[in-house]
Amino acid sequence: MSERVNIRRVQEKCFAFILRASLALCGGVLVFLLGSIVVKGFGSLSLDFFFTPAKDFGKSGGVIYQILGSLLMVVAAAVLVLPLALGTAIFQISYNARPKIRYVLEQSLYALNAIPSITYGLFGLIFFVNVLNTGISWFVGAVILAIMILPTAILSTYQAMAAIPKTYQENAAALGLTKAQVIRRVTLPQSFHGLVTGLLIGLARAIGETAPIMFIATAFSGVTVPQSLVEPVSTLPTHILELAQQSTDPQALQNAWGASLILVGLVAGFSGLALLIRSRLSSEGRK
C-alpha cells in the first residue's frame, strides 16, 4: 500500500514538474518575442513616425495612414458585429426552446471560430471581389473581419447570459414582467460584459490579421484616408509584410520593427480594455 502511495506521489511530482517546465518555456518564448519587438522597435518610435505618411514603399516616413486604416476596419467590423452577436445570443437563451437546435447552433459557432483566417479571405475574394465585382474595398474587408470575429462575440455573450442564475429571471417574471422586459432589465445588464469582452478580444485578433484582408481590402502603398466605401486602405499588418520583403534594407527593417511594436501595442490595448470593461460591467451588473 505504501509503495503505491509513493509511486503516486512520484507521478504527481513529475506531472507538476512537466507543467511548470511547459509554463516556463511558453513564458520564456513570449518574453523573448515581446522583448525583441520592444528593444528593436522602440528606436523607430517618434512623433514623426506616428503622424507622417509612409514614403518609398515604407522605407521612410511614418505609419499614420496604416494606423487609421487598421482602426477604420476594426471599428466598422465592431459596428456590424454588435447587433448580430447580441441578437443571436438573446435568441439562443430566451427564444430557442429546442435543445437539439440550440446544440447544433452552439457547435456550429465553435466550428466557425476554429476556421483559419485565410479561409475567410478566400471567401471574400471569391464572393465579393470576383462574383459581386466590388473591387478592393476597405468596407468589404470590414465585413470579412466581422464575419471572422462574430462567433467569438456570440459565444462570449451567450455564455455570459447562460451564467445568469435562473432565479433572477423567474423572480422578474413573477413580478409580471414580459419576456422583452426581462431581457431588457435583467438579461442585458447581467451579461453585457460578455458581449463587450468577446467583441474586444475579437477585435484584438482582427487588427493583427493579414490573410483575410490582403487581397480584398488593402493596398501596399499610395493610399490615404478612403473617401468612399469602395476604396482600399493600408493597414499595419500589410505594411509590416511589405517591409519584411525589403529586409535587406536596414531602414526598412527598422521601420518594420517600429510598426510591429505599434501593432502589438494596439492588440494589447484592446485586450487590456476588454479585461477592464469586463470587471467594471460585471460589478455594476451584480449591483
C-alpha atoms as a PDB file:
ATOM      1  CA  MET A   1       0.000   0.000   0.000  1.00  0.00           C
ATOM      2  CA  SER A   2       2.770   2.408   0.945  1.00  0.00           C
ATOM      3  CA  GLU A   3       4.607   1.516  -2.264  1.00  0.00           C
ATOM      4  CA  ARG A   4       1.568   2.514  -4.327  1.00  0.00           C
ATOM      5  CA  VAL A   5       1.306   5.779  -2.415  1.00  0.00           C
ATOM      6  CA  ASN A   6       4.981   6.519  -3.076  1.00  0.00           C
ATOM      7  CA  ILE A   7       4.572   5.768  -6.801  1.00  0.00           C
ATOM      8  CA  ARG A   8       1.551   8.063  -6.971  1.00  0.00           C
ATOM      9  CA  ARG A   9       3.479  10.863  -5.255  1.00  0.00           C
ATOM     10  CA  VAL A  10       6.356  10.466  -7.697  1.00  0.00           C
ATOM     11  CA  GLN A  11       3.925  10.588 -10.618  1.00  0.00           C
ATOM     12  CA  GLU A  12       2.258  13.709  -9.246  1.00  0.00           C
ATOM     13  CA  LYS A  13       5.618  15.418  -8.736  1.00  0.00           C
ATOM     14  CA  CYS A  14       6.711  14.516 -12.277  1.00  0.00           C
ATOM     15  CA  PHE A  15       3.443  15.807 -13.682  1.00  0.00           C
ATOM     16  CA  ALA A  16       3.748  19.047 -11.712  1.00  0.00           C
ATOM     17  CA  PHE A  17       7.348  19.442 -12.910  1.00  0.00           C
ATOM     18  CA  ILE A  18       6.297  18.988 -16.544  1.00  0.00           C
ATOM     19  CA  LEU A  19       3.550  21.572 -16.150  1.00  0.00           C
ATOM     20  CA  ARG A  20       5.911  24.101 -14.576  1.00  0.00           C
ATOM     21  CA  ALA A  21       8.532  23.456 -17.246  1.00  0.00           C
ATOM     22  CA  SER A  22       5.942  23.926 -20.005  1.00  0.00           C
ATOM     23  CA  LEU A  23       4.737  27.150 -18.405  1.00  0.00           C
ATOM     24  CA  ALA A  24       8.297  28.428 -18.076  1.00  0.00           C
ATOM     25  CA  LEU A  25       9.055  27.537 -21.698  1.00  0.00           C
ATOM     26  CA  CYS A  26       5.936  29.262 -23.051  1.00  0.00           C
ATOM     27  CA  GLY A  27       6.527  32.279 -20.839  1.00  0.00           C
ATOM     28  CA  GLY A  28      10.151  32.459 -21.910  1.00  0.00           C
ATOM     29  CA  VAL A  29       9.264  32.365 -25.600  1.00  0.00           C
ATOM     30  CA  LEU A  30       6.642  35.077 -25.095  1.00  0.00           C
ATOM     31  CA  VAL A  31       9.032  37.303 -23.146  1.00  0.00           C
ATOM     32  CA  PHE A  32      11.733  36.787 -25.774  1.00  0.00           C
ATOM     33  CA  LEU A  33       9.423  37.711 -28.667  1.00  0.00           C
ATOM     34  CA  LEU A  34       7.917  40.738 -26.942  1.00  0.00           C
ATOM     35  CA  GLY A  35      11.307  41.827 -25.667  1.00  0.00           C
ATOM     36  CA  SER A  36      12.797  41.624 -29.159  1.00  0.00           C
ATOM     37  CA  ILE A  37       9.971  43.697 -30.625  1.00  0.00           C
ATOM     38  CA  VAL A  38      10.219  46.314 -27.882  1.00  0.00           C
ATOM     39  CA  VAL A  39      14.020  46.586 -27.983  1.00  0.00           C
ATOM     40  CA  LYS A  40      14.311  46.686 -31.768  1.00  0.00           C
ATOM     41  CA  GLY A  41      11.181  48.714 -32.412  1.00  0.00           C
ATOM     42  CA  PHE A  42      11.463  51.369 -29.736  1.00  0.00           C
ATOM     43  CA  GLY A  43      14.197  53.200 -31.618  1.00  0.00           C
ATOM     44  CA  SER A  44      11.819  53.878 -34.513  1.00  0.00           C
ATOM     45  CA  LEU A  45       9.090  55.463 -32.406  1.00  0.00           C
ATOM     46  CA  SER A  46       8.746  59.214 -32.623  1.00  0.00           C
ATOM     47  CA  LEU A  47       6.045  61.773 -33.302  1.00  0.00           C
ATOM     48  CA  ASP A  48       7.074  61.863 -36.958  1.00  0.00           C
ATOM     49  CA  PHE A  49       6.775  58.085 -37.201  1.00  0.00           C
ATOM     50  CA  PHE A  50       3.266  58.193 -35.736  1.00  0.00           C
ATOM     51  CA  PHE A  51       1.925  61.190 -37.646  1.00  0.00           C
ATOM     52  CA  THR A  52       3.565  61.216 -41.071  1.00  0.00           C
ATOM     53  CA  PRO A  53       2.675  59.095 -44.121  1.00  0.00           C
ATOM     54  CA  ALA A  54       4.928  56.326 -45.408  1.00  0.00           C
ATOM     55  CA  LYS A  55       7.283  57.088 -48.285  1.00  0.00           C
ATOM     56  CA  ASP A  56       9.359  54.961 -50.666  1.00  0.00           C
ATOM     57  CA  PHE A  57       7.204  51.889 -50.009  1.00  0.00           C
ATOM     58  CA  GLY A  58       7.674  52.279 -46.260  1.00  0.00           C
ATOM     59  CA  LYS A  59      11.440  52.744 -46.230  1.00  0.00           C
ATOM     60  CA  SER A  60      10.970  56.249 -44.860  1.00  0.00           C
ATOM     61  CA  GLY A  61       8.182  58.269 -43.292  1.00  0.00           C
ATOM     62  CA  GLY A  62       5.694  57.010 -40.741  1.00  0.00           C
ATOM     63  CA  VAL A  63       2.582  54.894 -40.364  1.00  0.00           C
ATOM     64  CA  ILE A  64      -0.268  57.356 -39.838  1.00  0.00           C
ATOM     65  CA  TYR A  65      -2.410  56.013 -42.676  1.00  0.00           C
ATOM     66  CA  GLN A  66      -1.686  52.414 -41.701  1.00  0.00           C
ATOM     67  CA  ILE A  67      -2.904  53.087 -38.154  1.00  0.00           C
ATOM     68  CA  LEU A  68      -6.018  54.869 -39.416  1.00  0.00           C
ATOM     69  CA  GLY A  69      -6.755  52.103 -41.924  1.00  0.00           C
ATOM     70  CA  SER A  70      -6.465  49.378 -39.302  1.00  0.00           C
ATOM     71  CA  LEU A  71      -8.669  51.233 -36.818  1.00  0.00           C
ATOM     72  CA  LEU A  72     -11.220  52.116 -39.504  1.00  0.00           C
ATOM     73  CA  MET A  73     -11.775  48.493 -40.454  1.00  0.00           C
ATOM     74  CA  VAL A  74     -11.967  47.111 -36.920  1.00  0.00           C
ATOM     75  CA  VAL A  75     -14.363  49.874 -35.783  1.00  0.00           C
ATOM     76  CA  ALA A  76     -16.618  49.175 -38.775  1.00  0.00           C
ATOM     77  CA  ALA A  77     -16.414  45.440 -38.011  1.00  0.00           C
ATOM     78  CA  ALA A  78     -17.430  46.132 -34.399  1.00  0.00           C
ATOM     79  CA  VAL A  79     -20.457  48.131 -35.534  1.00  0.00           C
ATOM     80  CA  LEU A  80     -21.535  45.234 -37.754  1.00  0.00           C
ATOM     81  CA  VAL A  81     -20.927  42.551 -35.123  1.00  0.00           C
ATOM     82  CA  LEU A  82     -22.570  44.211 -32.118  1.00  0.00           C
ATOM     83  CA  PRO A  83     -26.270  43.833 -33.055  1.00  0.00           C
ATOM     84  CA  LEU A  84     -25.793  40.415 -34.690  1.00  0.00           C
ATOM     85  CA  ALA A  85     -23.973  38.931 -31.708  1.00  0.00           C
ATOM     86  CA  LEU A  86     -26.439  40.367 -29.226  1.00  0.00           C
ATOM     87  CA  GLY A  87     -29.490  39.232 -31.205  1.00  0.00           C
ATOM     88  CA  THR A  88     -28.177  35.702 -31.744  1.00  0.00           C
ATOM     89  CA  ALA A  89     -27.304  35.253 -28.068  1.00  0.00           C
ATOM     90  CA  ILE A  90     -30.735  36.518 -26.962  1.00  0.00           C
ATOM     91  CA  PHE A  91     -32.413  34.135 -29.402  1.00  0.00           C
ATOM     92  CA  GLN A  92     -30.396  31.200 -28.082  1.00  0.00           C
ATOM     93  CA  ILE A  93     -31.178  31.962 -24.450  1.00  0.00           C
ATOM     94  CA  SER A  94     -34.726  33.306 -24.500  1.00  0.00           C
ATOM     95  CA  TYR A  95     -36.455  32.104 -27.658  1.00  0.00           C
ATOM     96  CA  ASN A  96     -34.804  28.880 -28.787  1.00  0.00           C
ATOM     97  CA  ALA A  97     -36.697  26.276 -26.802  1.00  0.00           C
ATOM     98  CA  ARG A  98     -35.434  23.250 -28.742  1.00  0.00           C
ATOM     99  CA  PRO A  99     -32.316  21.740 -27.138  1.00  0.00           C
ATOM    100  CA  LYS A 100     -31.213  19.979 -30.345  1.00  0.00           C
ATOM    101  CA  ILE A 101     -31.306  23.169 -32.406  1.00  0.00           C
ATOM    102  CA  ARG A 102     -29.548  25.038 -29.608  1.00  0.00           C
ATOM    103  CA  TYR A 103     -26.844  22.371 -29.512  1.00  0.00           C
ATOM    104  CA  VAL A 104     -26.372  22.425 -33.294  1.00  0.00           C
ATOM    105  CA  LEU A 105     -26.096  26.216 -33.344  1.00  0.00           C
ATOM    106  CA  GLU A 106     -23.640  26.232 -30.461  1.00  0.00           C
ATOM    107  CA  GLN A 107     -21.400  23.590 -32.053  1.00  0.00           C
ATOM    108  CA  SER A 108     -21.578  25.446 -35.364  1.00  0.00           C
ATOM    109  CA  LEU A 109     -20.288  28.573 -33.658  1.00  0.00           C
ATOM    110  CA  TYR A 110     -17.367  26.641 -32.173  1.00  0.00           C
ATOM    111  CA  ALA A 111     -16.601  25.231 -35.628  1.00  0.00           C
ATOM    112  CA  LEU A 112     -16.749  28.667 -37.261  1.00  0.00           C
ATOM    113  CA  ASN A 113     -14.474  30.049 -34.559  1.00  0.00           C
ATOM    114  CA  ALA A 114     -11.843  27.451 -35.472  1.00  0.00           C
ATOM    115  CA  ILE A 115     -11.759  28.192 -39.216  1.00  0.00           C
ATOM    116  CA  PRO A 116      -8.363  29.569 -40.328  1.00  0.00           C
ATOM    117  CA  SER A 117      -8.412  33.252 -41.188  1.00  0.00           C
ATOM    118  CA  ILE A 118      -7.113  32.654 -44.717  1.00  0.00           C
ATOM    119  CA  THR A 119     -10.357  30.801 -45.466  1.00  0.00           C
ATOM    120  CA  TYR A 120     -12.363  33.934 -44.741  1.00  0.00           C
ATOM    121  CA  GLY A 121     -10.042  35.864 -47.025  1.00  0.00           C
ATOM    122  CA  LEU A 122     -10.548  33.392 -49.870  1.00  0.00           C
ATOM    123  CA  PHE A 123     -14.309  33.568 -49.366  1.00  0.00           C
ATOM    124  CA  GLY A 124     -14.190  37.364 -49.555  1.00  0.00           C
ATOM    125  CA  LEU A 125     -12.036  37.254 -52.680  1.00  0.00           C
ATOM    126  CA  ILE A 126     -14.300  34.790 -54.485  1.00  0.00           C
ATOM    127  CA  PHE A 127     -17.693  36.112 -53.390  1.00  0.00           C
ATOM    128  CA  PHE A 128     -17.225  39.863 -53.063  1.00  0.00           C
ATOM    129  CA  VAL A 129     -14.386  40.665 -55.469  1.00  0.00           C
ATOM    130  CA  ASN A 130     -14.983  38.098 -58.208  1.00  0.00           C
ATOM    131  CA  VAL A 131     -18.747  37.448 -58.045  1.00  0.00           C
ATOM    132  CA  LEU A 132     -20.103  40.805 -56.838  1.00  0.00           C
ATOM    133  CA  ASN A 133     -17.267  42.723 -58.504  1.00  0.00           C
ATOM    134  CA  THR A 134     -16.782  45.084 -55.561  1.00  0.00           C
ATOM    135  CA  GLY A 135     -13.099  45.592 -56.231  1.00  0.00           C
ATOM    136  CA  ILE A 136     -10.569  46.269 -53.483  1.00  0.00           C
ATOM    137  CA  SER A 137     -12.670  47.844 -50.728  1.00  0.00           C
ATOM    138  CA  TRP A 138     -11.976  48.565 -47.069  1.00  0.00           C
ATOM    139  CA  PHE A 139     -15.656  48.014 -46.274  1.00  0.00           C
ATOM    140  CA  VAL A 140     -15.524  44.509 -47.745  1.00  0.00           C
ATOM    141  CA  GLY A 141     -12.512  43.901 -45.515  1.00  0.00           C
ATOM    142  CA  ALA A 142     -14.510  45.111 -42.514  1.00  0.00           C
ATOM    143  CA  VAL A 143     -17.350  42.736 -43.448  1.00  0.00           C
ATOM    144  CA  ILE A 144     -14.929  39.789 -43.643  1.00  0.00           C
ATOM    145  CA  LEU A 145     -13.378  40.706 -40.293  1.00  0.00           C
ATOM    146  CA  ALA A 146     -16.881  40.981 -38.813  1.00  0.00           C
ATOM    147  CA  ILE A 147     -17.760  37.502 -40.094  1.00  0.00           C
ATOM    148  CA  MET A 148     -14.499  36.172 -38.651  1.00  0.00           C
ATOM    149  CA  ILE A 149     -14.962  37.562 -35.121  1.00  0.00           C
ATOM    150  CA  LEU A 150     -18.750  37.106 -34.955  1.00  0.00           C
ATOM    151  CA  PRO A 151     -18.589  33.570 -33.447  1.00  0.00           C
ATOM    152  CA  THR A 152     -16.292  34.810 -30.666  1.00  0.00           C
ATOM    153  CA  ALA A 153     -18.645  37.659 -29.764  1.00  0.00           C
ATOM    154  CA  ILE A 154     -21.729  35.421 -29.890  1.00  0.00           C
ATOM    155  CA  LEU A 155     -20.187  32.693 -27.729  1.00  0.00           C
ATOM    156  CA  SER A 156     -18.924  35.171 -25.142  1.00  0.00           C
ATOM    157  CA  THR A 157     -22.337  36.842 -24.914  1.00  0.00           C
ATOM    158  CA  TYR A 158     -24.217  33.545 -24.873  1.00  0.00           C
ATOM    159  CA  GLN A 159     -22.041  32.111 -22.090  1.00  0.00           C
ATOM    160  CA  ALA A 160     -22.480  35.276 -20.026  1.00  0.00           C
ATOM    161  CA  MET A 161     -26.254  35.029 -20.425  1.00  0.00           C
ATOM    162  CA  ALA A 162     -26.262  31.306 -19.623  1.00  0.00           C
ATOM    163  CA  ALA A 163     -24.353  32.026 -16.394  1.00  0.00           C
ATOM    164  CA  ILE A 164     -27.127  34.270 -15.036  1.00  0.00           C
ATOM    165  CA  PRO A 165     -28.943  32.460 -12.191  1.00  0.00           C
ATOM    166  CA  LYS A 166     -32.386  31.364 -13.358  1.00  0.00           C
ATOM    167  CA  THR A 167     -33.883  32.723 -10.163  1.00  0.00           C
ATOM    168  CA  TYR A 168     -33.270  36.255 -11.445  1.00  0.00           C
ATOM    169  CA  GLN A 169     -35.440  35.690 -14.490  1.00  0.00           C
ATOM    170  CA  GLU A 170     -38.029  33.696 -12.539  1.00  0.00           C
ATOM    171  CA  ASN A 171     -38.384  36.449  -9.950  1.00  0.00           C
ATOM    172  CA  ALA A 172     -38.691  39.069 -12.698  1.00  0.00           C
ATOM    173  CA  ALA A 173     -41.391  37.010 -14.421  1.00  0.00           C
ATOM    174  CA  ALA A 174     -43.194  36.537 -11.106  1.00  0.00           C
ATOM    175  CA  LEU A 175     -43.364  40.322 -10.762  1.00  0.00           C
ATOM    176  CA  GLY A 176     -45.304  40.494 -14.016  1.00  0.00           C
ATOM    177  CA  LEU A 177     -42.543  41.488 -16.427  1.00  0.00           C
ATOM    178  CA  THR A 178     -42.921  40.347 -20.012  1.00  0.00           C
ATOM    179  CA  LYS A 179     -40.177  38.398 -21.756  1.00  0.00           C
ATOM    180  CA  ALA A 180     -38.964  41.543 -23.514  1.00  0.00           C
ATOM    181  CA  GLN A 181     -38.839  43.412 -20.207  1.00  0.00           C
ATOM    182  CA  VAL A 182     -36.935  40.564 -18.560  1.00  0.00           C
ATOM    183  CA  ILE A 183     -34.389  40.683 -21.381  1.00  0.00           C
ATOM    184  CA  ARG A 184     -34.031  44.463 -21.150  1.00  0.00           C
ATOM    185  CA  ARG A 185     -33.930  44.772 -17.355  1.00  0.00           C
ATOM    186  CA  VAL A 186     -32.308  41.507 -16.244  1.00  0.00           C
ATOM    187  CA  THR A 187     -30.562  39.629 -19.056  1.00  0.00           C
ATOM    188  CA  LEU A 188     -28.797  42.525 -20.760  1.00  0.00           C
ATOM    189  CA  PRO A 189     -27.446  44.294 -17.648  1.00  0.00           C
ATOM    190  CA  GLN A 190     -26.175  40.996 -16.237  1.00  0.00           C
ATOM    191  CA  SER A 191     -24.475  39.834 -19.441  1.00  0.00           C
ATOM    192  CA  PHE A 192     -23.436  42.922 -21.379  1.00  0.00           C
ATOM    193  CA  HIS A 193     -19.876  42.481 -20.092  1.00  0.00           C
ATOM    194  CA  GLY A 194     -19.697  39.216 -22.030  1.00  0.00           C
ATOM    195  CA  LEU A 195     -20.601  40.955 -25.288  1.00  0.00           C
ATOM    196  CA  VAL A 196     -18.059  43.724 -24.761  1.00  0.00           C
ATOM    197  CA  THR A 197     -15.325  41.276 -23.758  1.00  0.00           C
ATOM    198  CA  GLY A 198     -15.914  38.962 -26.711  1.00  0.00           C
ATOM    199  CA  LEU A 199     -16.094  41.890 -29.102  1.00  0.00           C
ATOM    200  CA  LEU A 200     -12.836  43.468 -27.914  1.00  0.00           C
ATOM    201  CA  ILE A 201     -10.998  40.139 -27.900  1.00  0.00           C
ATOM    202  CA  GLY A 202     -12.235  39.533 -31.434  1.00  0.00           C
ATOM    203  CA  LEU A 203     -11.051  42.998 -32.470  1.00  0.00           C
ATOM    204  CA  ALA A 204      -7.651  42.343 -30.894  1.00  0.00           C
ATOM    205  CA  ARG A 205      -7.394  39.309 -33.166  1.00  0.00           C
ATOM    206  CA  ALA A 206      -8.795  41.092 -36.214  1.00  0.00           C
ATOM    207  CA  ILE A 207      -6.480  44.110 -36.097  1.00  0.00           C
ATOM    208  CA  GLY A 208      -3.450  41.853 -36.409  1.00  0.00           C
ATOM    209  CA  GLU A 209      -4.759  39.771 -39.313  1.00  0.00           C
ATOM    210  CA  THR A 210      -3.178  39.955 -42.753  1.00  0.00           C
ATOM    211  CA  ALA A 211      -4.553  36.987 -44.692  1.00  0.00           C
ATOM    212  CA  PRO A 212      -8.307  37.856 -44.617  1.00  0.00           C
ATOM    213  CA  ILE A 213      -7.827  41.378 -45.975  1.00  0.00           C
ATOM    214  CA  MET A 214      -4.652  41.300 -48.050  1.00  0.00           C
ATOM    215  CA  PHE A 215      -6.331  40.669 -51.413  1.00  0.00           C
ATOM    216  CA  ILE A 216      -9.707  42.304 -50.829  1.00  0.00           C
ATOM    217  CA  ALA A 217      -9.229  45.485 -48.803  1.00  0.00           C
ATOM    218  CA  THR A 218      -5.664  46.760 -48.711  1.00  0.00           C
ATOM    219  CA  ALA A 219      -3.064  48.339 -50.941  1.00  0.00           C
ATOM    220  CA  PHE A 220       0.620  48.276 -50.097  1.00  0.00           C
ATOM    221  CA  SER A 221       1.266  51.909 -50.949  1.00  0.00           C
ATOM    222  CA  GLY A 222      -0.201  55.056 -52.451  1.00  0.00           C
ATOM    223  CA  VAL A 223      -3.424  55.247 -50.403  1.00  0.00           C
ATOM    224  CA  THR A 224      -4.531  57.709 -47.770  1.00  0.00           C
ATOM    225  CA  VAL A 225      -7.862  58.036 -45.938  1.00  0.00           C
ATOM    226  CA  PRO A 226     -10.624  56.473 -48.077  1.00  0.00           C
ATOM    227  CA  GLN A 227     -13.356  58.810 -49.301  1.00  0.00           C
ATOM    228  CA  SER A 228     -15.914  56.078 -50.058  1.00  0.00           C
ATOM    229  CA  LEU A 229     -16.796  52.501 -49.132  1.00  0.00           C
ATOM    230  CA  VAL A 230     -15.138  51.025 -52.238  1.00  0.00           C
ATOM    231  CA  GLU A 231     -11.605  52.356 -51.797  1.00  0.00           C
ATOM    232  CA  PRO A 232      -8.649  50.416 -50.388  1.00  0.00           C
ATOM    233  CA  VAL A 233      -6.707  51.259 -47.248  1.00  0.00           C
ATOM    234  CA  SER A 234      -3.264  50.476 -45.936  1.00  0.00           C
ATOM    235  CA  THR A 235      -3.029  48.592 -42.643  1.00  0.00           C
ATOM    236  CA  LEU A 236      -0.259  47.836 -40.189  1.00  0.00           C
ATOM    237  CA  PRO A 237      -0.094  44.060 -40.894  1.00  0.00           C
ATOM    238  CA  THR A 238       0.189  44.504 -44.673  1.00  0.00           C
ATOM    239  CA  HIS A 239       2.675  47.332 -44.167  1.00  0.00           C
ATOM    240  CA  ILE A 240       4.842  45.086 -41.987  1.00  0.00           C
ATOM    241  CA  LEU A 241       4.618  42.353 -44.635  1.00  0.00           C
ATOM    242  CA  GLU A 242       5.750  44.801 -47.300  1.00  0.00           C
ATOM    243  CA  LEU A 243       8.697  45.983 -45.201  1.00  0.00           C
ATOM    244  CA  ALA A 244       9.673  42.405 -44.348  1.00  0.00           C
ATOM    245  CA  GLN A 245      10.142  41.756 -48.062  1.00  0.00           C
ATOM    246  CA  GLN A 246      12.729  44.568 -48.048  1.00  0.00           C
ATOM    247  CA  SER A 247      14.586  43.246 -45.008  1.00  0.00           C
ATOM    248  CA  THR A 248      17.954  43.641 -46.714  1.00  0.00           C
ATOM    249  CA  ASP A 249      17.492  47.395 -46.329  1.00  0.00           C
ATOM    250  CA  PRO A 250      18.370  48.400 -42.732  1.00  0.00           C
ATOM    251  CA  GLN A 251      15.969  51.360 -42.733  1.00  0.00           C
ATOM    252  CA  ALA A 252      13.054  49.255 -43.995  1.00  0.00           C
ATOM    253  CA  LEU A 253      13.812  46.603 -41.369  1.00  0.00           C
ATOM    254  CA  GLN A 254      13.936  49.233 -38.624  1.00  0.00           C
ATOM    255  CA  ASN A 255      10.573  50.638 -39.719  1.00  0.00           C
ATOM    256  CA  ALA A 256       9.152  47.113 -39.748  1.00  0.00           C
ATOM    257  CA  TRP A 257      10.154  46.666 -36.101  1.00  0.00           C
ATOM    258  CA  GLY A 258       8.589  50.018 -35.227  1.00  0.00           C
ATOM    259  CA  ALA A 259       5.322  49.169 -36.989  1.00  0.00           C
ATOM    260  CA  SER A 260       5.308  45.770 -35.259  1.00  0.00           C
ATOM    261  CA  LEU A 261       5.664  47.436 -31.869  1.00  0.00           C
ATOM    262  CA  ILE A 262       2.718  49.744 -32.602  1.00  0.00           C
ATOM    263  CA  LEU A 263       0.624  46.769 -33.724  1.00  0.00           C
ATOM    264  CA  VAL A 264       1.484  44.832 -30.559  1.00  0.00           C
ATOM    265  CA  GLY A 265       0.527  47.901 -28.546  1.00  0.00           C
ATOM    266  CA  LEU A 266      -2.868  48.112 -30.257  1.00  0.00           C
ATOM    267  CA  VAL A 267      -3.539  44.406 -29.661  1.00  0.00           C
ATOM    268  CA  ALA A 268      -2.521  44.738 -26.018  1.00  0.00           C
ATOM    269  CA  GLY A 269      -4.699  47.834 -25.714  1.00  0.00           C
ATOM    270  CA  PHE A 270      -7.804  46.024 -26.961  1.00  0.00           C
ATOM    271  CA  SER A 271      -7.113  43.049 -24.690  1.00  0.00           C
ATOM    272  CA  GLY A 272      -6.499  45.235 -21.631  1.00  0.00           C
ATOM    273  CA  LEU A 273      -9.602  47.279 -22.370  1.00  0.00           C
ATOM    274  CA  ALA A 274     -11.608  44.053 -22.558  1.00  0.00           C
ATOM    275  CA  LEU A 275     -10.437  43.000 -19.097  1.00  0.00           C
ATOM    276  CA  LEU A 276     -11.078  46.446 -17.628  1.00  0.00           C
ATOM    277  CA  ILE A 277     -14.579  46.804 -19.075  1.00  0.00           C
ATOM    278  CA  ARG A 278     -15.448  43.232 -18.126  1.00  0.00           C
ATOM    279  CA  SER A 279     -14.519  43.797 -14.490  1.00  0.00           C
ATOM    280  CA  ARG A 280     -16.407  47.092 -14.276  1.00  0.00           C
ATOM    281  CA  LEU A 281     -19.534  45.898 -16.057  1.00  0.00           C
ATOM    282  CA  SER A 282     -19.557  42.661 -14.031  1.00  0.00           C
ATOM    283  CA  SER A 283     -19.508  44.610 -10.754  1.00  0.00           C
ATOM    284  CA  GLU A 284     -22.200  47.013 -11.963  1.00  0.00           C
ATOM    285  CA  GLY A 285     -24.355  44.113 -13.161  1.00  0.00           C
ATOM    286  CA  ARG A 286     -24.151  42.421  -9.772  1.00  0.00           C
ATOM    287  CA  LYS A 287     -25.326  45.628  -8.112  1.00  0.00           C
END
